Amino acid sequence: MRFAPAGVHREAQGAQRPAEWYVIWLGRPHLEGSVVIGRTKRLRRHLHHRAFSVYPDVLPDEFKGHTAALEWLLEVHKNRAD
C-alpha cells in the first residue's frame, strides 16, 4: 500500500459511505495556511479516481488508485507555484 504524499490530506464530502467526492488539501483541512489543490471522484471501476485540479485550464485526469491522483494534483500545484 502506498501512502499519500507528505502534507496532503483528503476530506470526504457528503453523507455517502464510502464517499464519492473528496476535497484535497495541501496541509490540514481548514487550518490557516492550508490550501485546496483539487478534488477527486471515486469512479464505478474498482480503485479508479478522476482528479480535478483547482486550475481551470488543467483538464481532469483518471488514475488507478487514490494515491496516484493525489500525487498528480500535488505535481500540478507545485508546477503552478513556481
Protein backbone atom coordinates (compact mmCIF):
# COMPACT_ATOMS: atom_id res chain seq x y z
CA MET A 1 0.00 0.00 0.00
CA ARG A 2 1.34 3.42 -0.98
CA PHE A 3 0.90 6.35 1.37
CA ALA A 4 -0.30 9.81 0.39
CA PRO A 5 2.40 12.43 -0.19
CA ALA A 6 3.52 14.24 2.96
CA GLY A 7 1.27 17.15 3.87
CA VAL A 8 -1.56 16.15 1.52
CA HIS A 9 -4.90 15.28 3.13
CA ARG A 10 -8.33 14.42 1.83
CA GLU A 11 -11.71 15.38 3.24
CA ALA A 12 -14.77 13.33 2.33
CA GLN A 13 -17.77 15.27 1.02
CA GLY A 14 -21.37 14.23 1.61
CA ALA A 15 -23.00 11.59 3.77
CA GLN A 16 -22.43 8.68 1.38
CA ARG A 17 -20.04 5.98 2.66
CA PRO A 18 -17.66 5.29 1.11
CA ALA A 19 -17.55 8.86 -0.12
CA GLU A 20 -17.81 9.57 -3.83
CA TRP A 21 -16.15 13.01 -3.71
CA TYR A 22 -13.09 14.18 -1.78
CA VAL A 23 -11.59 17.66 -1.40
CA ILE A 24 -7.78 17.51 -1.46
CA TRP A 25 -5.84 19.84 0.82
CA LEU A 26 -2.16 20.75 0.99
CA GLY A 27 -1.89 20.97 4.77
CA ARG A 28 -4.51 20.06 7.37
CA PRO A 29 -8.10 20.73 6.25
CA HIS A 30 -9.46 24.15 7.27
CA LEU A 31 -6.32 25.27 9.12
CA GLU A 32 -4.75 28.63 8.41
CA GLY A 33 -2.16 28.34 5.65
CA SER A 34 -3.71 25.21 4.13
CA VAL A 35 -4.91 25.37 0.52
CA VAL A 36 -7.26 23.28 -1.58
CA ILE A 37 -5.35 21.83 -4.54
CA GLY A 38 -8.21 19.90 -6.12
CA ARG A 39 -10.95 17.31 -5.83
CA THR A 40 -11.23 13.63 -6.65
CA LYS A 41 -14.20 11.50 -7.58
CA ARG A 42 -14.40 7.75 -6.97
CA LEU A 43 -15.46 6.06 -10.20
CA ARG A 44 -17.52 2.89 -10.60
CA ARG A 45 -14.48 0.88 -11.71
CA HIS A 46 -12.69 -0.53 -8.70
CA LEU A 47 -9.87 1.74 -7.42
CA HIS A 48 -10.26 4.30 -10.22
CA HIS A 49 -10.47 8.01 -9.42
CA ARG A 50 -10.81 11.13 -11.53
CA ALA A 51 -8.79 14.11 -10.30
CA PHE A 52 -9.83 17.73 -10.86
CA SER A 53 -7.29 20.49 -10.27
CA VAL A 54 -8.28 23.92 -8.94
CA TYR A 55 -6.73 25.39 -12.09
CA PRO A 56 -9.44 25.63 -14.76
CA ASP A 57 -7.04 25.23 -17.69
CA VAL A 58 -5.77 21.84 -16.43
CA LEU A 59 -8.02 19.06 -17.71
CA PRO A 60 -9.13 16.33 -15.29
CA ASP A 61 -7.26 13.06 -15.44
CA GLU A 62 -8.13 9.49 -14.42
CA PHE A 63 -5.93 7.30 -12.22
CA LYS A 64 -5.90 3.82 -10.79
CA GLY A 65 -5.53 4.38 -7.06
CA HIS A 66 -6.25 7.43 -4.96
CA THR A 67 -2.57 7.97 -4.13
CA ALA A 68 -1.69 8.37 -7.82
CA ALA A 69 -4.40 11.02 -8.13
CA LEU A 70 -3.05 12.87 -5.07
CA GLU A 71 0.49 12.79 -6.46
CA TRP A 72 -0.74 14.25 -9.77
CA LEU A 73 -2.64 17.05 -8.04
CA LEU A 74 0.41 17.88 -5.92
CA GLU A 75 2.65 17.94 -9.01
CA VAL A 76 0.24 20.27 -10.85
CA HIS A 77 0.13 22.58 -7.82
CA LYS A 78 3.94 22.64 -7.46
CA ASN A 79 4.40 23.42 -11.15
CA ARG A 80 1.94 26.32 -10.92
CA ALA A 81 3.51 27.69 -7.72
CA ASP A 82 6.91 28.09 -9.45
